[in-house]
């Protein structure tokens, strides 16, 4: 699950998690990605959406810092600083333009996040 949260940018897809690290890529299938994303969605970390491919849209760091500090079940995934750092990085090239446009049009990510 940490790979889904720590993939660069506000949106994670399976390929971006795989590019993050060999540790996360090992054994990361589409079904494992979906399972991890659903658990993170249930915990309030973001939303799993289907836009051609499955994508996990992370909540902005300012909305998550307190949650990361308080969720003991997820404290081993990442720190608030790691989450903020990964969110603010440019999205992986694995996140298509269609996915970016769709999450912006859905109101899940502000357009300016992708223009940085």
PDB file of N, CA and C in Angstrom:
ATOM      1  N   UNK A   1       0.814  -1.202   0.000  1.00  0.00           N
ATOM      2  CA  UNK A   1       0.000   0.000   0.000  1.00  0.00           C
ATOM      3  C   UNK A   1       0.854   1.260   0.000  1.00  0.00           C
ATOM      4  N   UNK A   2       2.034   1.183   0.605  1.00  0.00           N
ATOM      5  CA  UNK A   2       2.893   2.367   0.654  1.00  0.00           C
ATOM      6  C   UNK A   2       3.245   2.846  -0.740  1.00  0.00           C
ATOM      7  N   UNK A   3       3.442   1.926  -1.669  1.00  0.00           N
ATOM      8  CA  UNK A   3       3.774   2.316  -3.030  1.00  0.00           C
ATOM      9  C   UNK A   3       2.691   3.154  -3.673  1.00  0.00           C
ATOM     10  N   UNK A   4       1.434   2.863  -3.375  1.00  0.00           N
ATOM     11  CA  UNK A   4       0.323   3.632  -3.929  1.00  0.00           C
ATOM     12  C   UNK A   4       0.357   5.054  -3.376  1.00  0.00           C
ATOM     13  N   UNK A   5       0.659   5.198  -2.093  1.00  0.00           N
ATOM     14  CA  UNK A   5       0.728   6.529  -1.482  1.00  0.00           C
ATOM     15  C   UNK A   5       1.967   7.303  -1.895  1.00  0.00           C
ATOM     16  N   UNK A   6       3.073   6.604  -2.103  1.00  0.00           N
ATOM     17  CA  UNK A   6       4.344   7.283  -2.349  1.00  0.00           C
ATOM     18  C   UNK A   6       4.710   7.436  -3.822  1.00  0.00           C
ATOM     19  N   UNK A   7       3.897   6.918  -4.725  1.00  0.00           N
ATOM     20  CA  UNK A   7       4.139   7.151  -6.147  1.00  0.00           C
ATOM     21  C   UNK A   7       4.065   8.660  -6.384  1.00  0.00           C
ATOM     22  N   UNK A   8       4.883   9.189  -7.287  1.00  0.00           N
ATOM     23  CA  UNK A   8       4.940  10.643  -7.463  1.00  0.00           C
ATOM     24  C   UNK A   8       3.647  11.239  -8.001  1.00  0.00           C
ATOM     25  N   UNK A   9       3.309  12.411  -7.483  1.00  0.00           N
ATOM     26  CA  UNK A   9       2.149  13.147  -7.949  1.00  0.00           C
ATOM     27  C   UNK A   9       0.882  12.807  -7.202  1.00  0.00           C
ATOM     28  N   UNK A  10      -0.205  13.479  -7.569  1.00  0.00           N
ATOM     29  CA  UNK A  10      -1.478  13.282  -6.879  1.00  0.00           C
ATOM     30  C   UNK A  10      -2.261  12.053  -7.326  1.00  0.00           C
ATOM     31  N   UNK A  11      -1.787  11.397  -8.397  1.00  0.00           N
ATOM     32  CA  UNK A  11      -2.491  10.231  -8.942  1.00  0.00           C
ATOM     33  C   UNK A  11      -1.510   9.077  -9.083  1.00  0.00           C
ATOM     34  N   UNK A  12      -1.913   7.905  -8.598  1.00  0.00           N
ATOM     35  CA  UNK A  12      -1.105   6.695  -8.744  1.00  0.00           C
ATOM     36  C   UNK A  12      -1.821   5.718  -9.665  1.00  0.00           C
ATOM     37  N   UNK A  13      -1.056   5.112 -10.550  1.00  0.00           N
ATOM     38  CA  UNK A  13      -1.548   4.008 -11.370  1.00  0.00           C
ATOM     39  C   UNK A  13      -0.568   2.865 -11.168  1.00  0.00           C
ATOM     40  N   UNK A  14      -0.950   1.683 -11.578  1.00  0.00           N
ATOM     41  CA  UNK A  14      -0.097   0.511 -11.360  1.00  0.00           C
ATOM     42  C   UNK A  14       1.323   0.731 -11.869  1.00  0.00           C
ATOM     43  N   UNK A  15       1.466   1.265 -13.070  1.00  0.00           N
ATOM     44  CA  UNK A  15       2.804   1.453 -13.639  1.00  0.00           C
ATOM     45  C   UNK A  15       3.628   2.462 -12.844  1.00  0.00           C
ATOM     46  N   UNK A  16       2.991   3.493 -12.271  1.00  0.00           N
ATOM     47  CA  UNK A  16       3.756   4.472 -11.491  1.00  0.00           C
ATOM     48  C   UNK A  16       4.242   3.868 -10.186  1.00  0.00           C
ATOM     49  N   UNK A  17       3.463   2.958  -9.625  1.00  0.00           N
ATOM     50  CA  UNK A  17       3.883   2.263  -8.415  1.00  0.00           C
ATOM     51  C   UNK A  17       5.061   1.344  -8.747  1.00  0.00           C
ATOM     52  N   UNK A  18       4.973   0.659  -9.881  1.00  0.00           N
ATOM     53  CA  UNK A  18       6.041  -0.237 -10.303  1.00  0.00           C
ATOM     54  C   UNK A  18       7.339   0.484 -10.564  1.00  0.00           C
ATOM     55  N   UNK A  19       7.263   1.712 -11.077  1.00  0.00           N
ATOM     56  CA  UNK A  19       8.465   2.499 -11.362  1.00  0.00           C
ATOM     57  C   UNK A  19       9.088   3.077 -10.097  1.00  0.00           C
ATOM     58  N   UNK A  20       8.306   3.158  -9.042  1.00  0.00           N
ATOM     59  CA  UNK A  20       8.785   3.757  -7.799  1.00  0.00           C
ATOM     60  C   UNK A  20       9.972   3.007  -7.225  1.00  0.00           C
ATOM     61  N   UNK A  21       9.851   1.690  -7.187  1.00  0.00           N
ATOM     62  CA  UNK A  21      10.893   0.904  -6.559  1.00  0.00           C
ATOM     63  C   UNK A  21      10.699  -0.561  -6.898  1.00  0.00           C
ATOM     64  N   UNK A  22      11.776  -1.268  -6.992  1.00  0.00           N
ATOM     65  CA  UNK A  22      11.696  -2.710  -7.241  1.00  0.00           C
ATOM     66  C   UNK A  22      10.952  -3.400  -6.111  1.00  0.00           C
ATOM     67  N   UNK A  23      11.048  -2.871  -4.915  1.00  0.00           N
ATOM     68  CA  UNK A  23      10.356  -3.468  -3.765  1.00  0.00           C
ATOM     69  C   UNK A  23       8.853  -3.455  -3.988  1.00  0.00           C
ATOM     70  N   UNK A  24       8.314  -2.325  -4.453  1.00  0.00           N
ATOM     71  CA  UNK A  24       6.876  -2.233  -4.663  1.00  0.00           C
ATOM     72  C   UNK A  24       6.460  -2.963  -5.929  1.00  0.00           C
ATOM     73  N   UNK A  25       7.322  -3.030  -6.912  1.00  0.00           N
ATOM     74  CA  UNK A  25       6.980  -3.665  -8.184  1.00  0.00           C
ATOM     75  C   UNK A  25       6.851  -5.174  -8.028  1.00  0.00           C
ATOM     76  N   UNK A  26       7.680  -5.765  -7.198  1.00  0.00           N
ATOM     77  CA  UNK A  26       7.641  -7.210  -7.010  1.00  0.00           C
ATOM     78  C   UNK A  26       6.254  -7.641  -6.562  1.00  0.00           C
ATOM     79  N   UNK A  27       5.625  -8.414  -7.389  1.00  0.00           N
ATOM     80  CA  UNK A  27       4.330  -8.964  -7.031  1.00  0.00           C
ATOM     81  C   UNK A  27       3.178  -7.982  -7.099  1.00  0.00           C
ATOM     82  N   UNK A  28       3.385  -6.772  -7.611  1.00  0.00           N
ATOM     83  CA  UNK A  28       2.291  -5.802  -7.675  1.00  0.00           C
ATOM     84  C   UNK A  28       1.505  -6.046  -8.954  1.00  0.00           C
ATOM     85  N   UNK A  29       0.420  -6.751  -8.811  1.00  0.00           N
ATOM     86  CA  UNK A  29      -0.472  -7.026  -9.936  1.00  0.00           C
ATOM     87  C   UNK A  29      -1.599  -6.001  -9.911  1.00  0.00           C
ATOM     88  N   UNK A  30      -2.390  -5.994 -10.953  1.00  0.00           N
ATOM     89  CA  UNK A  30      -3.530  -5.083 -10.992  1.00  0.00           C
ATOM     90  C   UNK A  30      -4.480  -5.363  -9.830  1.00  0.00           C
ATOM     91  N   UNK A  31      -4.701  -6.630  -9.519  1.00  0.00           N
ATOM     92  CA  UNK A  31      -5.623  -6.957  -8.418  1.00  0.00           C
ATOM     93  C   UNK A  31      -5.059  -6.498  -7.069  1.00  0.00           C
ATOM     94  N   UNK A  32      -3.744  -6.592  -6.888  1.00  0.00           N
ATOM     95  CA  UNK A  32      -3.133  -6.104  -5.634  1.00  0.00           C
ATOM     96  C   UNK A  32      -3.198  -4.583  -5.559  1.00  0.00           C
ATOM     97  N   UNK A  33      -2.996  -3.926  -6.710  1.00  0.00           N
ATOM     98  CA  UNK A  33      -3.111  -2.466  -6.743  1.00  0.00           C
ATOM     99  C   UNK A  33      -4.528  -2.057  -6.338  1.00  0.00           C
ATOM    100  N   UNK A  34      -5.534  -2.697  -6.936  1.00  0.00           N
ATOM    101  CA  UNK A  34      -6.926  -2.367  -6.628  1.00  0.00           C
ATOM    102  C   UNK A  34      -7.228  -2.640  -5.157  1.00  0.00           C
ATOM    103  N   UNK A  35      -6.761  -3.759  -4.637  1.00  0.00           N
ATOM    104  CA  UNK A  35      -6.992  -4.095  -3.238  1.00  0.00           C
ATOM    105  C   UNK A  35      -6.375  -3.038  -2.316  1.00  0.00           C
ATOM    106  N   UNK A  36      -5.128  -2.648  -2.597  1.00  0.00           N
ATOM    107  CA  UNK A  36      -4.465  -1.634  -1.779  1.00  0.00           C
ATOM    108  C   UNK A  36      -5.193  -0.302  -1.885  1.00  0.00           C
ATOM    109  N   UNK A  37      -5.574   0.078  -3.112  1.00  0.00           N
ATOM    110  CA  UNK A  37      -6.266   1.352  -3.319  1.00  0.00           C
ATOM    111  C   UNK A  37      -7.619   1.370  -2.602  1.00  0.00           C
ATOM    112  N   UNK A  38      -8.341   0.255  -2.606  1.00  0.00           N
ATOM    113  CA  UNK A  38      -9.632   0.189  -1.904  1.00  0.00           C
ATOM    114  C   UNK A  38      -9.448   0.356  -0.401  1.00  0.00           C
ATOM    115  N   UNK A  39      -8.417  -0.281   0.162  1.00  0.00           N
ATOM    116  CA  UNK A  39      -8.144  -0.131   1.599  1.00  0.00           C
ATOM    117  C   UNK A  39      -7.800   1.317   1.931  1.00  0.00           C
ATOM    118  N   UNK A  40      -7.000   1.941   1.080  1.00  0.00           N
ATOM    119  CA  UNK A  40      -6.637   3.341   1.298  1.00  0.00           C
ATOM    120  C   UNK A  40      -7.848   4.252   1.144  1.00  0.00           C
ATOM    121  N   UNK A  41      -8.711   3.930   0.196  1.00  0.00           N
ATOM    122  CA  UNK A  41      -9.940   4.716   0.003  1.00  0.00           C
ATOM    123  C   UNK A  41     -10.834   4.605   1.241  1.00  0.00           C
ATOM    124  N   UNK A  42     -11.006   3.401   1.747  1.00  0.00           N
ATOM    125  CA  UNK A  42     -11.829   3.185   2.945  1.00  0.00           C
ATOM    126  C   UNK A  42     -11.268   3.934   4.146  1.00  0.00           C
ATOM    127  N   UNK A  43      -9.947   4.089   4.193  1.00  0.00           N
ATOM    128  CA  UNK A  43      -9.298   4.790   5.303  1.00  0.00           C
ATOM    129  C   UNK A  43      -9.289   6.306   5.097  1.00  0.00           C
ATOM    130  N   UNK A  44      -9.789   6.767   3.948  1.00  0.00           N
ATOM    131  CA  UNK A  44      -9.888   8.195   3.721  1.00  0.00           C
ATOM    132  C   UNK A  44      -8.676   8.850   3.085  1.00  0.00           C
ATOM    133  N   UNK A  45      -7.797   8.063   2.465  1.00  0.00           N
ATOM    134  CA  UNK A  45      -6.594   8.615   1.848  1.00  0.00           C
ATOM    135  C   UNK A  45      -6.837   9.153   0.437  1.00  0.00           C
ATOM    136  N   UNK A  46      -7.947   8.809  -0.178  1.00  0.00           N
ATOM    137  CA  UNK A  46      -8.209   9.249  -1.541  1.00  0.00           C
ATOM    138  C   UNK A  46      -9.327   8.447  -2.164  1.00  0.00           C
ATOM    139  N   UNK A  47      -9.337   8.416  -3.504  1.00  0.00           N
ATOM    140  CA  UNK A  47     -10.414   7.752  -4.236  1.00  0.00           C
ATOM    141  C   UNK A  47      -9.862   6.859  -5.338  1.00  0.00           C
ATOM    142  N   UNK A  48     -10.430   5.681  -5.452  1.00  0.00           N
ATOM    143  CA  UNK A  48     -10.105   4.779  -6.550  1.00  0.00           C
ATOM    144  C   UNK A  48     -11.082   5.072  -7.679  1.00  0.00           C
ATOM    145  N   UNK A  49     -10.551   5.393  -8.851  1.00  0.00           N
ATOM    146  CA  UNK A  49     -11.401   5.677 -10.004  1.00  0.00           C
ATOM    147  C   UNK A  49     -10.940   4.847 -11.189  1.00  0.00           C
ATOM    148  N   UNK A  50     -11.876   4.521 -12.063  1.00  0.00           N
ATOM    149  CA  UNK A  50     -11.579   3.753 -13.277  1.00  0.00           C
ATOM    150  C   UNK A  50     -11.676   4.717 -14.454  1.00  0.00           C
ATOM    151  N   UNK A  51     -10.527   4.998 -15.064  1.00  0.00           N
ATOM    152  CA  UNK A  51     -10.463   5.916 -16.204  1.00  0.00           C
ATOM    153  C   UNK A  51      -9.606   5.222 -17.261  1.00  0.00           C
ATOM    154  N   UNK A  52     -10.148   4.261 -17.930  1.00  0.00           N
ATOM    155  CA  UNK A  52      -9.341   3.456 -18.839  1.00  0.00           C
ATOM    156  C   UNK A  52      -8.509   2.463 -18.040  1.00  0.00           C
ATOM    157  N   UNK A  53      -7.758   2.982 -17.091  1.00  0.00           N
ATOM    158  CA  UNK A  53      -6.988   2.165 -16.150  1.00  0.00           C
ATOM    159  C   UNK A  53      -7.466   2.536 -14.751  1.00  0.00           C
ATOM    160  N   UNK A  54      -7.176   1.689 -13.784  1.00  0.00           N
ATOM    161  CA  UNK A  54      -7.498   2.036 -12.406  1.00  0.00           C
ATOM    162  C   UNK A  54      -6.496   3.068 -11.920  1.00  0.00           C
ATOM    163  N   UNK A  55      -7.004   4.096 -11.273  1.00  0.00           N
ATOM    164  CA  UNK A  55      -6.152   5.156 -10.756  1.00  0.00           C
ATOM    165  C   UNK A  55      -6.572   5.467  -9.326  1.00  0.00           C
ATOM    166  N   UNK A  56      -5.585   5.741  -8.482  1.00  0.00           N
ATOM    167  CA  UNK A  56      -5.865   6.162  -7.119  1.00  0.00           C
ATOM    168  C   UNK A  56      -5.528   7.640  -7.023  1.00  0.00           C
ATOM    169  N   UNK A  57      -6.534   8.443  -6.718  1.00  0.00           N
ATOM    170  CA  UNK A  57      -6.355   9.885  -6.600  1.00  0.00           C
ATOM    171  C   UNK A  57      -6.180  10.204  -5.120  1.00  0.00           C
ATOM    172  N   UNK A  58      -4.988  10.682  -4.786  1.00  0.00           N
ATOM    173  CA  UNK A  58      -4.676  10.981  -3.391  1.00  0.00           C
ATOM    174  C   UNK A  58      -5.325  12.285  -2.946  1.00  0.00           C
ATOM    175  N   UNK A  59      -5.669  12.351  -1.666  1.00  0.00           N
ATOM    176  CA  UNK A  59      -6.144  13.610  -1.103  1.00  0.00           C
ATOM    177  C   UNK A  59      -4.943  14.544  -0.964  1.00  0.00           C
ATOM    178  N   UNK A  60      -5.176  15.855  -1.051  1.00  0.00           N
ATOM    179  CA  UNK A  60      -4.068  16.801  -0.891  1.00  0.00           C
ATOM    180  C   UNK A  60      -3.434  16.673   0.500  1.00  0.00           C
ATOM    181  N   UNK A  61      -2.141  16.942   0.593  1.00  0.00           N
ATOM    182  CA  UNK A  61      -1.439  16.788   1.875  1.00  0.00           C
ATOM    183  C   UNK A  61      -2.078  17.565   3.014  1.00  0.00           C
ATOM    184  N   UNK A  62      -2.525  18.783   2.742  1.00  0.00           N
ATOM    185  CA  UNK A  62      -3.113  19.580   3.821  1.00  0.00           C
ATOM    186  C   UNK A  62      -4.342  18.904   4.414  1.00  0.00           C
ATOM    187  N   UNK A  63      -5.020  18.088   3.643  1.00  0.00           N
ATOM    188  CA  UNK A  63      -6.194  17.362   4.131  1.00  0.00           C
ATOM    189  C   UNK A  63      -5.800  16.078   4.852  1.00  0.00           C
ATOM    190  N   UNK A  64      -4.560  15.632   4.659  1.00  0.00           N
ATOM    191  CA  UNK A  64      -4.155  14.328   5.183  1.00  0.00           C
ATOM    192  C   UNK A  64      -3.195  14.355   6.356  1.00  0.00           C
ATOM    193  N   UNK A  65      -2.524  15.448   6.613  1.00  0.00           N
ATOM    194  CA  UNK A  65      -1.483  15.457   7.642  1.00  0.00           C
ATOM    195  C   UNK A  65      -2.023  14.968   8.973  1.00  0.00           C
ATOM    196  N   UNK A  66      -3.128  15.520   9.419  1.00  0.00           N
ATOM    197  CA  UNK A  66      -3.683  15.102  10.706  1.00  0.00           C
ATOM    198  C   UNK A  66      -4.105  13.637  10.674  1.00  0.00           C
ATOM    199  N   UNK A  67      -4.695  13.202   9.584  1.00  0.00           N
ATOM    200  CA  UNK A  67      -5.118  11.812   9.460  1.00  0.00           C
ATOM    201  C   UNK A  67      -3.932  10.864   9.527  1.00  0.00           C
ATOM    202  N   UNK A  68      -2.844  11.214   8.847  1.00  0.00           N
ATOM    203  CA  UNK A  68      -1.655  10.361   8.872  1.00  0.00           C
ATOM    204  C   UNK A  68      -1.093  10.252  10.282  1.00  0.00           C
ATOM    205  N   UNK A  69      -1.176  11.324  11.026  1.00  0.00           N
ATOM    206  CA  UNK A  69      -0.655  11.311  12.390  1.00  0.00           C
ATOM    207  C   UNK A  69      -1.545  10.493  13.319  1.00  0.00           C
ATOM    208  N   UNK A  70      -2.842  10.429  13.016  1.00  0.00           N
ATOM    209  CA  UNK A  70      -3.787   9.787  13.920  1.00  0.00           C
ATOM    210  C   UNK A  70      -4.113   8.340  13.569  1.00  0.00           C
ATOM    211  N   UNK A  71      -3.874   7.915  12.349  1.00  0.00           N
ATOM    212  CA  UNK A  71      -4.269   6.569  11.924  1.00  0.00           C
ATOM    213  C   UNK A  71      -3.197   5.552  12.278  1.00  0.00           C
ATOM    214  N   UNK A  72      -3.309   4.975  13.438  1.00  0.00           N
ATOM    215  CA  UNK A  72      -2.282   4.040  13.895  1.00  0.00           C
ATOM    216  C   UNK A  72      -2.163   2.817  12.986  1.00  0.00           C
ATOM    217  N   UNK A  73      -3.260   2.404  12.362  1.00  0.00           N
ATOM    218  CA  UNK A  73      -3.206   1.244  11.474  1.00  0.00           C
ATOM    219  C   UNK A  73      -2.350   1.500  10.235  1.00  0.00           C
ATOM    220  N   UNK A  74      -2.144   2.765   9.894  1.00  0.00           N
ATOM    221  CA  UNK A  74      -1.428   3.113   8.672  1.00  0.00           C
ATOM    222  C   UNK A  74      -0.110   3.842   8.943  1.00  0.00           C
ATOM    223  N   UNK A  75       0.285   3.946  10.208  1.00  0.00           N
ATOM    224  CA  UNK A  75       1.480   4.728  10.539  1.00  0.00           C
ATOM    225  C   UNK A  75       2.756   4.161   9.930  1.00  0.00           C
ATOM    226  N   UNK A  76       2.774   2.879   9.603  1.00  0.00           N
ATOM    227  CA  UNK A  76       3.973   2.286   9.019  1.00  0.00           C
ATOM    228  C   UNK A  76       4.058   2.483   7.504  1.00  0.00           C
ATOM    229  N   UNK A  77       3.024   3.022   6.897  1.00  0.00           N
ATOM    230  CA  UNK A  77       3.036   3.220   5.448  1.00  0.00           C
ATOM    231  C   UNK A  77       3.977   4.344   5.044  1.00  0.00           C
ATOM    232  N   UNK A  78       3.826   5.491   5.680  1.00  0.00           N
ATOM    233  CA  UNK A  78       4.672   6.634   5.359  1.00  0.00           C
ATOM    234  C   UNK A  78       4.450   7.722   6.398  1.00  0.00           C
ATOM    235  N   UNK A  79       5.370   8.662   6.424  1.00  0.00           N
ATOM    236  CA  UNK A  79       5.204   9.808   7.319  1.00  0.00           C
ATOM    237  C   UNK A  79       4.434  10.899   6.575  1.00  0.00           C
ATOM    238  N   UNK A  80       3.958  11.879   7.311  1.00  0.00           N
ATOM    239  CA  UNK A  80       3.270  13.005   6.689  1.00  0.00           C
ATOM    240  C   UNK A  80       4.209  13.730   5.730  1.00  0.00           C
ATOM    241  N   UNK A  81       5.468  13.829   6.069  1.00  0.00           N
ATOM    242  CA  UNK A  81       6.454  14.505   5.215  1.00  0.00           C
ATOM    243  C   UNK A  81       6.673  13.726   3.917  1.00  0.00           C
ATOM    244  N   UNK A  82       6.755  12.405   4.008  1.00  0.00           N
ATOM    245  CA  UNK A  82       6.927  11.585   2.800  1.00  0.00           C
ATOM    246  C   UNK A  82       5.706  11.708   1.888  1.00  0.00           C
ATOM    247  N   UNK A  83       4.533  11.713   2.496  1.00  0.00           N
ATOM    248  CA  UNK A  83       3.292  11.832   1.718  1.00  0.00           C
ATOM    249  C   UNK A  83       3.252  13.168   0.985  1.00  0.00           C
ATOM    250  N   UNK A  84       3.538  14.242   1.707  1.00  0.00           N
ATOM    251  CA  UNK A  84       3.520  15.567   1.089  1.00  0.00           C
ATOM    252  C   UNK A  84       4.552  15.673  -0.024  1.00  0.00           C
ATOM    253  N   UNK A  85       5.743  15.150   0.219  1.00  0.00           N
ATOM    254  CA  UNK A  85       6.801  15.194  -0.789  1.00  0.00           C
ATOM    255  C   UNK A  85       6.396  14.440  -2.057  1.00  0.00           C
ATOM    256  N   UNK A  86       5.825  13.251  -1.894  1.00  0.00           N
ATOM    257  CA  UNK A  86       5.433  12.469  -3.075  1.00  0.00           C
ATOM    258  C   UNK A  86       4.279  13.129  -3.821  1.00  0.00           C
ATOM    259  N   UNK A  87       3.340  13.710  -3.103  1.00  0.00           N
ATOM    260  CA  UNK A  87       2.187  14.376  -3.730  1.00  0.00           C
ATOM    261  C   UNK A  87       2.644  15.555  -4.578  1.00  0.00           C
ATOM    262  N   UNK A  88       3.614  16.286  -4.098  1.00  0.00           N
ATOM    263  CA  UNK A  88       4.063  17.515  -4.773  1.00  0.00           C
ATOM    264  C   UNK A  88       4.992  17.253  -5.966  1.00  0.00           C
ATOM    265  N   UNK A  89       5.459  16.030  -6.137  1.00  0.00           N
ATOM    266  CA  UNK A  89       6.300  15.699  -7.284  1.00  0.00           C
ATOM    267  C   UNK A  89       5.449  15.666  -8.548  1.00  0.00           C
ATOM    268  N   UNK A  90       6.071  15.882  -9.698  1.00  0.00           N
ATOM    269  CA  UNK A  90       5.311  15.745 -10.952  1.00  0.00           C
ATOM    270  C   UNK A  90       4.765  14.317 -11.089  1.00  0.00           C
ATOM    271  N   UNK A  91       3.588  14.215 -11.649  1.00  0.00           N
ATOM    272  CA  UNK A  91       2.985  12.893 -11.841  1.00  0.00           C
ATOM    273  C   UNK A  91       3.871  12.049 -12.751  1.00  0.00           C
ATOM    274  N   UNK A  92       3.864  10.773 -12.505  1.00  0.00           N
ATOM    275  CA  UNK A  92       4.612   9.831 -13.325  1.00  0.00           C
ATOM    276  C   UNK A  92       4.145   9.914 -14.775  1.00  0.00           C
ATOM    277  N   UNK A  93       5.052   9.638 -15.685  1.00  0.00           N
ATOM    278  CA  UNK A  93       4.671   9.608 -17.103  1.00  0.00           C
ATOM    279  C   UNK A  93       3.677   8.475 -17.374  1.00  0.00           C
ATOM    280  N   UNK A  94       3.544   7.551 -16.431  1.00  0.00           N
ATOM    281  CA  UNK A  94       2.565   6.467 -16.572  1.00  0.00           C
ATOM    282  C   UNK A  94       1.135   6.975 -16.406  1.00  0.00           C
ATOM    283  N   UNK A  95       0.971   8.163 -15.826  1.00  0.00           N
ATOM    284  CA  UNK A  95      -0.358   8.761 -15.670  1.00  0.00           C
ATOM    285  C   UNK A  95      -0.654   9.522 -16.961  1.00  0.00           C
ATOM    286  N   UNK A  96      -1.586   9.004 -17.734  1.00  0.00           N
ATOM    287  CA  UNK A  96      -1.870   9.566 -19.055  1.00  0.00           C
ATOM    288  C   UNK A  96      -2.533  10.938 -18.972  1.00  0.00           C
ATOM    289  N   UNK A  97      -2.486  11.639 -20.084  1.00  0.00           N
ATOM    290  CA  UNK A  97      -3.158  12.939 -20.185  1.00  0.00           C
ATOM    291  C   UNK A  97      -4.656  12.775 -19.970  1.00  0.00           C
ATOM    292  N   UNK A  98      -5.222  11.688 -20.461  1.00  0.00           N
ATOM    293  CA  UNK A  98      -6.663  11.429 -20.283  1.00  0.00           C
ATOM    294  C   UNK A  98      -6.998  11.306 -18.799  1.00  0.00           C
ATOM    295  N   UNK A  99      -6.168  10.593 -18.054  1.00  0.00           N
ATOM    296  CA  UNK A  99      -6.421  10.455 -16.615  1.00  0.00           C
ATOM    297  C   UNK A  99      -6.321  11.813 -15.938  1.00  0.00           C
ATOM    298  N   UNK A 100      -5.297  12.589 -16.275  1.00  0.00           N
ATOM    299  CA  UNK A 100      -5.137  13.920 -15.680  1.00  0.00           C
ATOM    300  C   UNK A 100      -6.360  14.791 -15.964  1.00  0.00           C
ATOM    301  N   UNK A 101      -6.774  14.837 -17.224  1.00  0.00           N
ATOM    302  CA  UNK A 101      -7.921  15.659 -17.605  1.00  0.00           C
ATOM    303  C   UNK A 101      -9.198  15.200 -16.901  1.00  0.00           C
ATOM    304  N   UNK A 102      -9.367  13.906 -16.770  1.00  0.00           N
ATOM    305  CA  UNK A 102     -10.580  13.372 -16.147  1.00  0.00           C
ATOM    306  C   UNK A 102     -10.631  13.679 -14.657  1.00  0.00           C
ATOM    307  N   UNK A 103      -9.528  13.493 -13.934  1.00  0.00           N
ATOM    308  CA  UNK A 103      -9.564  13.779 -12.491  1.00  0.00           C
ATOM    309  C   UNK A 103      -9.733  15.271 -12.223  1.00  0.00           C
ATOM    310  N   UNK A 104      -9.225  16.104 -13.133  1.00  0.00           N
ATOM    311  CA  UNK A 104      -9.444  17.553 -13.005  1.00  0.00           C
ATOM    312  C   UNK A 104     -10.913  17.862 -13.253  1.00  0.00           C
ATOM    313  N   UNK A 105     -11.501  17.297 -14.320  1.00  0.00           N
ATOM    314  CA  UNK A 105     -12.908  17.575 -14.637  1.00  0.00           C
ATOM    315  C   UNK A 105     -13.854  17.026 -13.563  1.00  0.00           C
ATOM    316  N   UNK A 106     -13.426  15.974 -12.868  1.00  0.00           N
ATOM    317  CA  UNK A 106     -14.229  15.413 -11.775  1.00  0.00           C
ATOM    318  C   UNK A 106     -14.089  16.236 -10.492  1.00  0.00           C
ATOM    319  N   UNK A 107     -13.156  17.182 -10.493  1.00  0.00           N
ATOM    320  CA  UNK A 107     -12.942  18.014  -9.310  1.00  0.00           C
ATOM    321  C   UNK A 107     -12.099  17.344  -8.241  1.00  0.00           C
ATOM    322  N   UNK A 108     -11.409  16.263  -8.598  1.00  0.00           N
ATOM    323  CA  UNK A 108     -10.601  15.540  -7.617  1.00  0.00           C
ATOM    324  C   UNK A 108      -9.203  16.144  -7.445  1.00  0.00           C
ATOM    325  N   UNK A 109      -8.710  16.809  -8.481  1.00  0.00           N
ATOM    326  CA  UNK A 109      -7.380  17.423  -8.453  1.00  0.00           C
ATOM    327  C   UNK A 109      -7.474  18.773  -9.151  1.00  0.00           C
ATOM    328  N   UNK A 110      -6.927  19.839  -8.539  1.00  0.00           N
ATOM    329  CA  UNK A 110      -6.934  21.133  -9.225  1.00  0.00           C
ATOM    330  C   UNK A 110      -6.008  21.091 -10.455  1.00  0.00           C
ATOM    331  N   UNK A 111      -6.390  21.763 -11.530  1.00  0.00           N
ATOM    332  CA  UNK A 111      -5.617  21.754 -12.776  1.00  0.00           C
ATOM    333  C   UNK A 111      -4.176  22.223 -12.573  1.00  0.00           C
ATOM    334  N   UNK A 112      -3.977  23.194 -11.695  1.00  0.00           N
ATOM    335  CA  UNK A 112      -2.637  23.744 -11.498  1.00  0.00           C
ATOM    336  C   UNK A 112      -1.655  22.730 -10.936  1.00  0.00           C
ATOM    337  N   UNK A 113      -2.143  21.677 -10.324  1.00  0.00           N
ATOM    338  CA  UNK A 113      -1.248  20.642  -9.794  1.00  0.00           C
ATOM    339  C   UNK A 113      -0.467  19.979 -10.922  1.00  0.00           C
ATOM    340  N   UNK A 114      -1.083  19.819 -12.075  1.00  0.00           N
ATOM    341  CA  UNK A 114      -0.424  19.154 -13.199  1.00  0.00           C
ATOM    342  C   UNK A 114       0.402  20.125 -14.055  1.00  0.00           C
ATOM    343  N   UNK A 115       0.301  21.415 -13.799  1.00  0.00           N
ATOM    344  CA  UNK A 115       1.061  22.373 -14.594  1.00  0.00           C
ATOM    345  C   UNK A 115       2.356  22.788 -13.920  1.00  0.00           C
ATOM    346  N   UNK A 116       2.680  22.166 -12.811  1.00  0.00           N
ATOM    347  CA  UNK A 116       3.905  22.519 -12.083  1.00  0.00           C
ATOM    348  C   UNK A 116       5.108  21.894 -12.725  1.00  0.00           C
TER     349      UNK A 116
END
